[in-house]
Amino acid sequence: MIHNLHVYLVFRMRCPAFCKDEPSYWAPLFGTNIYADSSSICKAAVHAGVVSNESGGYVDVMPVDKKKMYPGSLRNGVQSER
């Protein structure tokens, strides 16, 4: 018998180069470290430093419970909103 088994769902996404330059009305970003589900995955990846804006790359995304607040910040040339 297995106790305390946790199963996590993870999606792998490919982010194109220069995705941070997409307009915020088309690709918004809300949060820092944990991002709102309405956020651009690729902008969040650049913001978090997981991929570079110049080359893009693959990022693993794991859905988590919704938060009450998503603080904004400026990281890696990307401003997230709150």
C-alpha atoms as a PDB file:
ATOM      1  CA  MET A   1       0.000   0.000   0.000  1.00  0.00           C
ATOM      2  CA  ILE A   2       1.320   3.446  -0.944  1.00  0.00           C
ATOM      3  CA  HIS A   3       0.692   6.257   1.519  1.00  0.00           C
ATOM      4  CA  ASN A   4       0.976   9.974   0.849  1.00  0.00           C
ATOM      5  CA  LEU A   5       1.215   9.550  -2.907  1.00  0.00           C
ATOM      6  CA  HIS A   6       1.094  12.894  -4.704  1.00  0.00           C
ATOM      7  CA  VAL A   7       0.462  13.085  -8.433  1.00  0.00           C
ATOM      8  CA  TYR A   8       1.408  16.283 -10.247  1.00  0.00           C
ATOM      9  CA  LEU A   9       0.323  17.276 -13.715  1.00  0.00           C
ATOM     10  CA  VAL A  10       3.080  18.946 -15.756  1.00  0.00           C
ATOM     11  CA  PHE A  11       2.871  20.367 -19.271  1.00  0.00           C
ATOM     12  CA  ARG A  12       5.910  21.026 -21.466  1.00  0.00           C
ATOM     13  CA  MET A  13       5.614  24.099 -23.677  1.00  0.00           C
ATOM     14  CA  ARG A  14       7.906  25.523 -26.333  1.00  0.00           C
ATOM     15  CA  CYS A  15       8.386  29.274 -26.139  1.00  0.00           C
ATOM     16  CA  PRO A  16       9.503  31.148 -29.257  1.00  0.00           C
ATOM     17  CA  ALA A  17      12.325  33.671 -29.220  1.00  0.00           C
ATOM     18  CA  PHE A  18      11.409  37.298 -28.429  1.00  0.00           C
ATOM     19  CA  CYS A  19       8.076  36.454 -26.805  1.00  0.00           C
ATOM     20  CA  LYS A  20       8.551  39.169 -24.157  1.00  0.00           C
ATOM     21  CA  ASP A  21       8.050  41.766 -26.894  1.00  0.00           C
ATOM     22  CA  GLU A  22       4.434  40.746 -27.490  1.00  0.00           C
ATOM     23  CA  PRO A  23       1.925  43.460 -26.509  1.00  0.00           C
ATOM     24  CA  SER A  24       0.500  43.120 -22.999  1.00  0.00           C
ATOM     25  CA  TYR A  25      -3.099  43.307 -24.245  1.00  0.00           C
ATOM     26  CA  TRP A  26      -2.405  40.102 -26.198  1.00  0.00           C
ATOM     27  CA  ALA A  27      -0.045  38.415 -23.721  1.00  0.00           C
ATOM     28  CA  PRO A  28      -0.560  39.750 -20.171  1.00  0.00           C
ATOM     29  CA  LEU A  29       1.550  38.726 -17.189  1.00  0.00           C
ATOM     30  CA  PHE A  30       0.316  38.669 -13.590  1.00  0.00           C
ATOM     31  CA  GLY A  31       2.490  37.553 -10.674  1.00  0.00           C
ATOM     32  CA  THR A  32       6.010  36.705  -9.579  1.00  0.00           C
ATOM     33  CA  ASN A  33       7.257  33.106  -9.157  1.00  0.00           C
ATOM     34  CA  ILE A  34       3.640  31.911  -9.283  1.00  0.00           C
ATOM     35  CA  TYR A  35       1.648  33.389 -12.144  1.00  0.00           C
ATOM     36  CA  ALA A  36      -2.092  33.754 -12.747  1.00  0.00           C
ATOM     37  CA  ASP A  37      -3.620  31.275 -15.188  1.00  0.00           C
ATOM     38  CA  SER A  38      -4.466  34.171 -17.516  1.00  0.00           C
ATOM     39  CA  SER A  39      -0.754  35.012 -17.880  1.00  0.00           C
ATOM     40  CA  SER A  40       1.371  34.409 -20.946  1.00  0.00           C
ATOM     41  CA  ILE A  41       3.338  31.230 -20.233  1.00  0.00           C
ATOM     42  CA  CYS A  42       6.287  32.336 -22.335  1.00  0.00           C
ATOM     43  CA  LYS A  43       6.464  35.829 -20.825  1.00  0.00           C
ATOM     44  CA  ALA A  44       6.325  34.217 -17.378  1.00  0.00           C
ATOM     45  CA  ALA A  45       9.204  31.914 -18.346  1.00  0.00           C
ATOM     46  CA  VAL A  46      11.367  34.873 -19.429  1.00  0.00           C
ATOM     47  CA  HIS A  47      10.341  36.850 -16.311  1.00  0.00           C
ATOM     48  CA  ALA A  48      11.312  33.910 -14.079  1.00  0.00           C
ATOM     49  CA  GLY A  49      14.625  33.413 -15.910  1.00  0.00           C
ATOM     50  CA  VAL A  50      13.742  29.899 -17.075  1.00  0.00           C
ATOM     51  CA  VAL A  51      14.263  30.740 -20.765  1.00  0.00           C
ATOM     52  CA  SER A  52      16.027  33.647 -22.446  1.00  0.00           C
ATOM     53  CA  ASN A  53      14.094  36.081 -24.596  1.00  0.00           C
ATOM     54  CA  GLU A  54      16.710  35.838 -27.346  1.00  0.00           C
ATOM     55  CA  SER A  55      16.563  32.072 -27.832  1.00  0.00           C
ATOM     56  CA  GLY A  56      13.283  30.899 -26.267  1.00  0.00           C
ATOM     57  CA  GLY A  57      13.152  27.245 -25.283  1.00  0.00           C
ATOM     58  CA  TYR A  58      11.124  24.636 -23.451  1.00  0.00           C
ATOM     59  CA  VAL A  59       9.451  25.233 -20.111  1.00  0.00           C
ATOM     60  CA  ASP A  60       7.568  22.864 -17.807  1.00  0.00           C
ATOM     61  CA  VAL A  61       4.310  24.245 -16.411  1.00  0.00           C
ATOM     62  CA  MET A  62       2.603  22.854 -13.329  1.00  0.00           C
ATOM     63  CA  PRO A  63      -0.883  24.123 -12.449  1.00  0.00           C
ATOM     64  CA  VAL A  64      -1.321  25.026  -8.787  1.00  0.00           C
ATOM     65  CA  ASP A  65      -4.185  26.330  -6.677  1.00  0.00           C
ATOM     66  CA  LYS A  66      -5.358  29.853  -7.413  1.00  0.00           C
ATOM     67  CA  LYS A  67      -3.957  32.599  -5.175  1.00  0.00           C
ATOM     68  CA  LYS A  68      -5.810  35.641  -3.857  1.00  0.00           C
ATOM     69  CA  MET A  69      -3.068  37.992  -5.037  1.00  0.00           C
ATOM     70  CA  TYR A  70      -0.287  37.889  -7.611  1.00  0.00           C
ATOM     71  CA  PRO A  71       2.381  40.513  -6.815  1.00  0.00           C
ATOM     72  CA  GLY A  72       3.998  42.197  -9.800  1.00  0.00           C
ATOM     73  CA  SER A  73       7.709  42.845 -10.338  1.00  0.00           C
ATOM     74  CA  LEU A  74      10.320  43.750 -12.943  1.00  0.00           C
ATOM     75  CA  ARG A  75      12.632  40.847 -13.828  1.00  0.00           C
ATOM     76  CA  ASN A  76      14.768  40.081 -16.866  1.00  0.00           C
ATOM     77  CA  GLY A  77      13.343  43.082 -18.709  1.00  0.00           C
ATOM     78  CA  VAL A  78       9.724  41.971 -18.207  1.00  0.00           C
ATOM     79  CA  GLN A  79       7.249  43.844 -15.996  1.00  0.00           C
ATOM     80  CA  SER A  80       4.500  41.726 -14.471  1.00  0.00           C
ATOM     81  CA  GLU A  81       1.299  43.274 -13.187  1.00  0.00           C
ATOM     82  CA  ARG A  82      -0.507  42.575  -9.951  1.00  0.00           C
END
